[in-house]
Amino acid sequence: MKVDCFKCQHFRVTWDQYNPRGCTAYGFKTKQLPSLVVKQSSGMDCLKFVPKNREGGQAR
């Protein structure tokens, strides 16, 4: 399964120009997508993926 961080509740865009992407579930910032860092470091797909809630009028 390929995890799409952009569709995860834990994904964050940071103000850090050197590490613009972050994961609140794992608590780190990175240049790459957090799911790629998790896969490279553990050899497993991200287990903390939670789909974003599409209710409430959010744009698709």
Protein backbone atom coordinates (compact mmCIF):
# COMPACT_ATOMS: atom_id res chain seq x y z
CA MET A 1 0.00 0.00 0.00
CA LYS A 2 1.36 3.40 -0.92
CA VAL A 3 0.54 5.99 1.75
CA ASP A 4 -0.42 9.48 0.50
CA CYS A 5 0.69 11.91 3.21
CA PHE A 6 -1.30 14.72 1.62
CA LYS A 7 -4.48 12.81 2.52
CA CYS A 8 -3.44 12.13 6.15
CA GLN A 9 -4.59 14.06 9.22
CA HIS A 10 -1.07 13.92 10.67
CA PHE A 11 0.64 15.60 7.69
CA ARG A 12 1.73 19.20 8.24
CA VAL A 13 3.45 21.86 6.17
CA THR A 14 6.07 23.59 8.33
CA TRP A 15 7.71 27.02 8.25
CA ASP A 16 11.13 25.38 8.16
CA GLN A 17 12.57 26.01 4.69
CA TYR A 18 14.96 23.07 5.03
CA ASN A 19 12.34 20.62 6.33
CA PRO A 20 9.01 21.81 4.92
CA ARG A 21 6.98 18.65 5.63
CA GLY A 22 6.10 17.13 8.96
CA CYS A 23 4.26 14.33 10.68
CA THR A 24 2.55 15.02 13.99
CA ALA A 25 2.01 11.30 14.67
CA TYR A 26 5.74 10.54 14.60
CA GLY A 27 6.88 14.03 15.59
CA PHE A 28 9.43 14.87 12.91
CA LYS A 29 10.04 17.26 10.00
CA THR A 30 11.69 16.34 6.71
CA LYS A 31 12.38 17.39 3.13
CA GLN A 32 10.78 14.20 1.80
CA LEU A 33 7.28 12.96 2.36
CA PRO A 34 7.09 11.56 5.89
CA SER A 35 5.77 8.21 4.61
CA LEU A 36 8.96 7.77 2.57
CA VAL A 37 11.13 8.44 5.62
CA VAL A 38 9.13 5.90 7.64
CA LYS A 39 9.47 3.30 4.86
CA GLN A 40 13.23 3.90 4.49
CA SER A 41 13.94 3.77 8.22
CA SER A 42 11.67 0.90 9.26
CA GLY A 43 11.13 -1.04 6.04
CA MET A 44 7.37 -0.88 6.66
CA ASP A 45 4.61 1.33 5.34
CA CYS A 46 3.35 4.03 7.69
CA LEU A 47 1.03 2.51 10.29
CA LYS A 48 -0.29 5.83 11.61
CA PHE A 49 -2.11 6.98 8.46
CA VAL A 50 -5.52 8.48 9.26
CA PRO A 51 -7.58 9.81 6.32
CA LYS A 52 -8.55 13.47 6.52
CA ASN A 53 -12.17 14.19 7.33
CA ARG A 54 -13.79 15.51 4.13
CA GLU A 55 -16.91 16.81 5.91
CA GLY A 56 -17.36 20.45 6.79
CA GLY A 57 -17.02 21.94 3.33
CA GLN A 58 -13.31 21.39 2.78
CA ALA A 59 -12.14 21.74 -0.82
CA ARG A 60 -11.18 18.55 -2.63
